[in-house]
N, C-alpha and C. Protein backbone atom coordinates (compact mmCIF):
# COMPACT_ATOMS: atom_id res chain seq x y z
N MET A 1 12.90 -9.25 -3.93
CA MET A 1 11.70 -8.70 -3.34
C MET A 1 12.02 -8.15 -1.96
N ALA A 2 11.37 -7.08 -1.61
CA ALA A 2 11.65 -6.43 -0.35
C ALA A 2 10.60 -6.67 0.72
N PHE A 3 9.50 -7.34 0.38
CA PHE A 3 8.55 -7.70 1.42
C PHE A 3 9.09 -8.93 2.12
N LYS A 4 9.37 -8.80 3.40
CA LYS A 4 9.93 -9.91 4.16
C LYS A 4 8.84 -10.81 4.70
N THR A 5 7.62 -10.27 4.82
CA THR A 5 6.48 -11.07 5.25
C THR A 5 5.31 -10.78 4.32
N ARG A 6 4.41 -11.72 4.23
CA ARG A 6 3.19 -11.57 3.42
C ARG A 6 2.04 -12.16 4.23
N PRO A 7 1.57 -11.39 5.22
CA PRO A 7 0.54 -11.94 6.10
C PRO A 7 -0.80 -12.13 5.41
N ALA A 8 -1.55 -13.07 5.94
CA ALA A 8 -2.92 -13.27 5.46
C ALA A 8 -3.76 -12.06 5.87
N LEU A 9 -4.80 -11.81 5.08
CA LEU A 9 -5.75 -10.74 5.38
C LEU A 9 -7.00 -11.37 5.96
N VAL A 10 -7.43 -10.84 7.10
CA VAL A 10 -8.62 -11.33 7.78
C VAL A 10 -9.77 -10.38 7.47
N PRO A 11 -10.91 -10.90 6.97
CA PRO A 11 -12.04 -10.01 6.66
C PRO A 11 -12.59 -9.34 7.91
N MET A 12 -12.91 -8.06 7.76
CA MET A 12 -13.51 -7.25 8.81
C MET A 12 -14.80 -6.65 8.25
N PRO A 13 -15.61 -6.01 9.09
CA PRO A 13 -16.83 -5.38 8.57
C PRO A 13 -16.55 -4.28 7.55
N ASN A 14 -17.53 -3.99 6.74
CA ASN A 14 -17.51 -2.87 5.79
C ASN A 14 -16.39 -2.95 4.75
N ASP A 15 -16.13 -4.13 4.23
CA ASP A 15 -15.11 -4.31 3.19
C ASP A 15 -13.72 -3.86 3.63
N HIS A 16 -13.39 -4.09 4.87
CA HIS A 16 -12.05 -3.81 5.38
C HIS A 16 -11.37 -5.13 5.70
N TRP A 17 -10.05 -5.06 5.87
CA TRP A 17 -9.25 -6.25 6.10
C TRP A 17 -8.20 -5.94 7.14
N ALA A 18 -7.83 -6.93 7.94
CA ALA A 18 -6.78 -6.77 8.95
C ALA A 18 -5.65 -7.74 8.65
N PHE A 19 -4.42 -7.31 8.94
CA PHE A 19 -3.27 -8.19 8.76
C PHE A 19 -3.19 -9.16 9.94
N GLU A 20 -3.12 -10.45 9.61
CA GLU A 20 -3.08 -11.49 10.63
C GLU A 20 -1.78 -11.47 11.44
N THR A 21 -0.69 -11.12 10.78
CA THR A 21 0.62 -11.00 11.43
C THR A 21 1.26 -9.72 10.90
N PRO A 22 2.39 -9.27 11.47
CA PRO A 22 3.02 -8.05 10.97
C PRO A 22 3.42 -8.15 9.50
N LEU A 23 3.35 -7.02 8.83
CA LEU A 23 3.78 -6.87 7.44
C LEU A 23 5.08 -6.10 7.46
N LEU A 24 6.14 -6.64 6.86
CA LEU A 24 7.45 -5.99 6.89
C LEU A 24 7.98 -5.77 5.49
N TRP A 25 8.35 -4.50 5.22
CA TRP A 25 9.04 -4.10 3.99
C TRP A 25 10.44 -3.70 4.40
N ASP A 26 11.46 -4.27 3.77
CA ASP A 26 12.85 -3.90 4.04
C ASP A 26 13.65 -4.14 2.77
N ASP A 27 14.04 -3.04 2.13
CA ASP A 27 14.80 -3.18 0.88
C ASP A 27 16.29 -2.94 1.08
N GLY A 28 16.73 -2.93 2.35
CA GLY A 28 18.15 -2.72 2.63
C GLY A 28 18.50 -1.25 2.88
N ARG A 29 17.64 -0.34 2.43
CA ARG A 29 17.86 1.09 2.67
C ARG A 29 16.85 1.65 3.66
N GLU A 30 15.63 1.14 3.57
CA GLU A 30 14.57 1.60 4.46
C GLU A 30 13.67 0.43 4.80
N ALA A 31 13.12 0.50 6.00
CA ALA A 31 12.25 -0.57 6.48
C ALA A 31 11.01 0.04 7.13
N VAL A 32 9.89 -0.63 6.93
CA VAL A 32 8.62 -0.23 7.54
C VAL A 32 7.92 -1.49 8.00
N MET A 33 7.39 -1.46 9.22
CA MET A 33 6.62 -2.59 9.72
C MET A 33 5.22 -2.13 10.08
N VAL A 34 4.25 -2.85 9.57
CA VAL A 34 2.84 -2.63 9.91
C VAL A 34 2.49 -3.69 10.95
N PRO A 35 1.98 -3.27 12.10
CA PRO A 35 1.67 -4.26 13.13
C PRO A 35 0.49 -5.15 12.76
N HIS A 36 0.49 -6.36 13.31
CA HIS A 36 -0.66 -7.25 13.05
C HIS A 36 -1.91 -6.56 13.58
N GLY A 37 -3.00 -6.82 12.91
CA GLY A 37 -4.27 -6.22 13.31
C GLY A 37 -4.57 -4.89 12.65
N PHE A 38 -3.59 -4.30 11.95
CA PHE A 38 -3.86 -3.03 11.27
C PHE A 38 -4.96 -3.27 10.24
N VAL A 39 -5.97 -2.39 10.24
CA VAL A 39 -7.12 -2.55 9.36
C VAL A 39 -6.99 -1.62 8.16
N MET A 40 -7.21 -2.17 6.98
CA MET A 40 -7.12 -1.41 5.73
C MET A 40 -8.27 -1.79 4.81
N ASN A 41 -8.44 -1.05 3.73
CA ASN A 41 -9.50 -1.37 2.77
C ASN A 41 -8.94 -1.86 1.43
N GLY A 42 -7.67 -2.25 1.43
CA GLY A 42 -7.03 -2.64 0.17
C GLY A 42 -6.58 -1.39 -0.56
N ALA A 43 -6.19 -1.53 -1.79
CA ALA A 43 -5.80 -0.37 -2.59
C ALA A 43 -7.05 0.45 -2.88
N SER A 44 -6.95 1.75 -2.75
CA SER A 44 -8.12 2.63 -2.96
C SER A 44 -8.31 2.89 -4.45
N ILE A 45 -8.88 1.91 -5.10
CA ILE A 45 -9.12 1.99 -6.54
C ILE A 45 -10.63 2.08 -6.76
N PRO A 46 -11.10 3.17 -7.35
CA PRO A 46 -12.54 3.26 -7.62
C PRO A 46 -13.00 2.09 -8.49
N ARG A 47 -14.19 1.60 -8.19
CA ARG A 47 -14.73 0.42 -8.88
C ARG A 47 -14.68 0.55 -10.41
N VAL A 48 -14.92 1.74 -10.92
CA VAL A 48 -14.93 1.96 -12.37
C VAL A 48 -13.57 1.61 -13.00
N PHE A 49 -12.49 1.64 -12.22
CA PHE A 49 -11.15 1.35 -12.74
C PHE A 49 -10.67 -0.07 -12.44
N TRP A 50 -11.49 -0.89 -11.80
CA TRP A 50 -11.06 -2.25 -11.46
C TRP A 50 -10.67 -3.05 -12.69
N SER A 51 -11.37 -2.88 -13.80
CA SER A 51 -11.03 -3.67 -14.99
C SER A 51 -9.73 -3.17 -15.63
N THR A 52 -9.36 -1.92 -15.39
CA THR A 52 -8.14 -1.35 -15.96
C THR A 52 -6.94 -1.50 -15.04
N ILE A 53 -7.11 -1.11 -13.79
CA ILE A 53 -6.01 -1.10 -12.82
C ILE A 53 -5.91 -2.43 -12.09
N GLY A 54 -7.04 -2.90 -11.57
CA GLY A 54 -7.08 -4.14 -10.82
C GLY A 54 -7.95 -4.02 -9.58
N HIS A 55 -8.22 -5.14 -8.96
CA HIS A 55 -9.05 -5.21 -7.76
C HIS A 55 -8.24 -4.69 -6.56
N PRO A 56 -8.90 -4.04 -5.59
CA PRO A 56 -8.18 -3.52 -4.42
C PRO A 56 -7.37 -4.55 -3.64
N LEU A 57 -7.72 -5.82 -3.75
CA LEU A 57 -6.98 -6.85 -3.03
C LEU A 57 -6.06 -7.67 -3.93
N ASP A 58 -5.77 -7.15 -5.11
CA ASP A 58 -4.84 -7.81 -6.04
C ASP A 58 -3.52 -8.07 -5.31
N THR A 59 -3.05 -9.30 -5.36
CA THR A 59 -1.83 -9.65 -4.62
C THR A 59 -0.61 -8.88 -5.10
N GLN A 60 -0.67 -8.32 -6.32
CA GLN A 60 0.48 -7.58 -6.83
C GLN A 60 0.66 -6.24 -6.12
N PHE A 61 -0.40 -5.70 -5.53
CA PHE A 61 -0.23 -4.42 -4.84
C PHE A 61 -0.92 -4.28 -3.50
N VAL A 62 -1.52 -5.33 -2.97
CA VAL A 62 -2.21 -5.20 -1.69
C VAL A 62 -1.24 -4.92 -0.54
N TYR A 63 -0.04 -5.49 -0.58
CA TYR A 63 0.91 -5.25 0.51
C TYR A 63 1.50 -3.84 0.43
N ALA A 64 1.75 -3.36 -0.79
CA ALA A 64 2.20 -1.98 -0.95
C ALA A 64 1.12 -1.02 -0.46
N ALA A 65 -0.13 -1.32 -0.76
CA ALA A 65 -1.24 -0.49 -0.30
C ALA A 65 -1.34 -0.53 1.22
N GLY A 66 -1.09 -1.68 1.82
CA GLY A 66 -1.13 -1.80 3.28
C GLY A 66 -0.08 -0.94 3.95
N ILE A 67 1.15 -0.98 3.44
CA ILE A 67 2.21 -0.13 3.99
C ILE A 67 1.84 1.33 3.79
N HIS A 68 1.37 1.68 2.60
CA HIS A 68 1.00 3.07 2.30
C HIS A 68 -0.12 3.54 3.23
N ASP A 69 -1.16 2.73 3.40
CA ASP A 69 -2.26 3.10 4.30
C ASP A 69 -1.76 3.30 5.72
N TYR A 70 -0.90 2.40 6.17
CA TYR A 70 -0.37 2.51 7.53
C TYR A 70 0.43 3.80 7.70
N GLU A 71 1.31 4.07 6.74
CA GLU A 71 2.13 5.29 6.85
C GLU A 71 1.28 6.55 6.77
N CYS A 72 0.21 6.51 5.99
CA CYS A 72 -0.70 7.66 5.92
C CYS A 72 -1.47 7.82 7.23
N THR A 73 -1.65 6.74 7.97
CA THR A 73 -2.35 6.79 9.24
C THR A 73 -1.47 7.31 10.36
N VAL A 74 -0.24 6.80 10.45
CA VAL A 74 0.64 7.20 11.56
C VAL A 74 1.33 8.55 11.30
N GLN A 75 1.52 8.91 10.05
CA GLN A 75 2.03 10.23 9.63
C GLN A 75 3.33 10.65 10.32
N VAL A 76 4.30 9.73 10.36
CA VAL A 76 5.60 10.08 10.94
C VAL A 76 6.65 10.37 9.87
N THR A 77 6.34 10.06 8.64
CA THR A 77 7.22 10.31 7.49
C THR A 77 6.48 11.23 6.54
N SER A 78 7.20 12.08 5.83
CA SER A 78 6.56 13.05 4.94
C SER A 78 5.74 12.35 3.86
N PRO A 79 4.64 12.99 3.42
CA PRO A 79 3.82 12.39 2.36
C PRO A 79 4.63 12.10 1.09
N ALA A 80 5.57 12.97 0.73
CA ALA A 80 6.36 12.75 -0.48
C ALA A 80 7.15 11.45 -0.38
N VAL A 81 7.74 11.19 0.78
CA VAL A 81 8.51 9.96 0.97
C VAL A 81 7.58 8.75 0.97
N VAL A 82 6.44 8.86 1.64
CA VAL A 82 5.49 7.75 1.71
C VAL A 82 4.98 7.40 0.31
N HIS A 83 4.63 8.40 -0.49
CA HIS A 83 4.11 8.15 -1.83
C HIS A 83 5.21 7.60 -2.75
N ARG A 84 6.45 8.12 -2.60
CA ARG A 84 7.57 7.59 -3.40
C ARG A 84 7.83 6.13 -3.05
N ARG A 85 7.78 5.83 -1.76
CA ARG A 85 8.01 4.45 -1.32
C ARG A 85 6.94 3.52 -1.88
N PHE A 86 5.70 4.00 -1.93
CA PHE A 86 4.61 3.22 -2.52
C PHE A 86 4.98 2.82 -3.95
N GLY A 87 5.48 3.77 -4.72
CA GLY A 87 5.91 3.48 -6.09
C GLY A 87 7.03 2.45 -6.14
N ALA A 88 7.99 2.57 -5.22
CA ALA A 88 9.10 1.62 -5.17
C ALA A 88 8.61 0.21 -4.83
N MET A 89 7.64 0.13 -3.93
CA MET A 89 7.08 -1.17 -3.57
C MET A 89 6.33 -1.79 -4.74
N LEU A 90 5.56 -0.97 -5.46
CA LEU A 90 4.85 -1.46 -6.64
C LEU A 90 5.83 -1.99 -7.68
N LYS A 91 6.91 -1.25 -7.88
CA LYS A 91 7.93 -1.69 -8.84
C LYS A 91 8.54 -3.02 -8.40
N ALA A 92 8.86 -3.13 -7.12
CA ALA A 92 9.45 -4.37 -6.60
C ALA A 92 8.49 -5.55 -6.75
N GLU A 93 7.20 -5.27 -6.73
CA GLU A 93 6.19 -6.32 -6.87
C GLU A 93 5.91 -6.66 -8.33
N GLY A 94 6.56 -5.95 -9.25
CA GLY A 94 6.39 -6.26 -10.67
C GLY A 94 5.22 -5.57 -11.33
N VAL A 95 4.67 -4.54 -10.70
CA VAL A 95 3.58 -3.78 -11.31
C VAL A 95 4.17 -3.00 -12.49
N GLY A 96 3.55 -3.11 -13.65
CA GLY A 96 4.04 -2.48 -14.86
C GLY A 96 4.11 -0.96 -14.76
N LEU A 97 4.92 -0.37 -15.61
CA LEU A 97 5.19 1.07 -15.57
C LEU A 97 3.92 1.91 -15.69
N VAL A 98 3.04 1.59 -16.62
CA VAL A 98 1.84 2.40 -16.83
C VAL A 98 0.92 2.32 -15.62
N ARG A 99 0.62 1.12 -15.16
CA ARG A 99 -0.25 0.96 -13.99
C ARG A 99 0.38 1.60 -12.76
N ARG A 100 1.67 1.38 -12.56
CA ARG A 100 2.38 1.95 -11.41
C ARG A 100 2.36 3.47 -11.45
N THR A 101 2.59 4.04 -12.63
CA THR A 101 2.57 5.50 -12.78
C THR A 101 1.19 6.06 -12.46
N LEU A 102 0.15 5.40 -12.93
CA LEU A 102 -1.22 5.85 -12.64
C LEU A 102 -1.52 5.78 -11.14
N MET A 103 -1.10 4.72 -10.50
CA MET A 103 -1.38 4.56 -9.08
C MET A 103 -0.62 5.58 -8.23
N VAL A 104 0.64 5.82 -8.56
CA VAL A 104 1.42 6.79 -7.81
C VAL A 104 0.90 8.21 -8.07
N ALA A 105 0.54 8.51 -9.31
CA ALA A 105 -0.03 9.83 -9.62
C ALA A 105 -1.32 10.04 -8.84
N ALA A 106 -2.12 9.00 -8.70
CA ALA A 106 -3.38 9.12 -7.95
C ALA A 106 -3.13 9.43 -6.48
N VAL A 107 -2.16 8.74 -5.85
CA VAL A 107 -1.92 9.03 -4.43
C VAL A 107 -1.25 10.40 -4.26
N MET A 108 -0.44 10.81 -5.23
CA MET A 108 0.17 12.14 -5.17
C MET A 108 -0.91 13.23 -5.27
N ALA A 109 -1.86 13.01 -6.16
CA ALA A 109 -2.90 14.02 -6.40
C ALA A 109 -4.02 13.98 -5.35
N PHE A 110 -4.44 12.78 -4.97
CA PHE A 110 -5.64 12.66 -4.13
C PHE A 110 -5.39 12.07 -2.76
N GLY A 111 -4.16 11.62 -2.49
CA GLY A 111 -3.85 11.02 -1.20
C GLY A 111 -3.78 12.07 -0.11
N PRO A 112 -3.73 11.61 1.13
CA PRO A 112 -3.70 12.55 2.25
C PRO A 112 -2.40 13.35 2.30
N ARG A 113 -2.49 14.49 2.93
CA ARG A 113 -1.34 15.39 3.14
C ARG A 113 -1.25 15.66 4.65
N TRP A 114 -0.04 15.79 5.13
CA TRP A 114 0.18 16.13 6.53
C TRP A 114 1.54 16.75 6.68
N SER A 115 1.80 17.33 7.82
CA SER A 115 3.11 17.91 8.13
C SER A 115 3.80 17.00 9.13
N VAL A 116 5.10 16.85 8.94
CA VAL A 116 5.89 16.02 9.86
C VAL A 116 6.58 16.92 10.85
């Protein structure tokens, strides 16, 4: 596993959550750290798909979603790399191929875009 930390999520207003301590992903090739206090809404999964994909705070992908949300916020790495890394994190967390493919396709199609 490449998540070096798994911080608790602190409830915030409006169905948002903050990381109690830093979240660190490091797979030996690339590393990303989300600072404590970063606020996220979990994985952006429309409610209609919760029974198929999973709940936004599912432990299998909430940390990958947190890194992805953070990288989409700071926008220092290209969207293609950020979205690819999201897929790699989901795979490392054991998310199955079909669910992982759907989630990555969704962020590729509907996720934010920016220039580096």
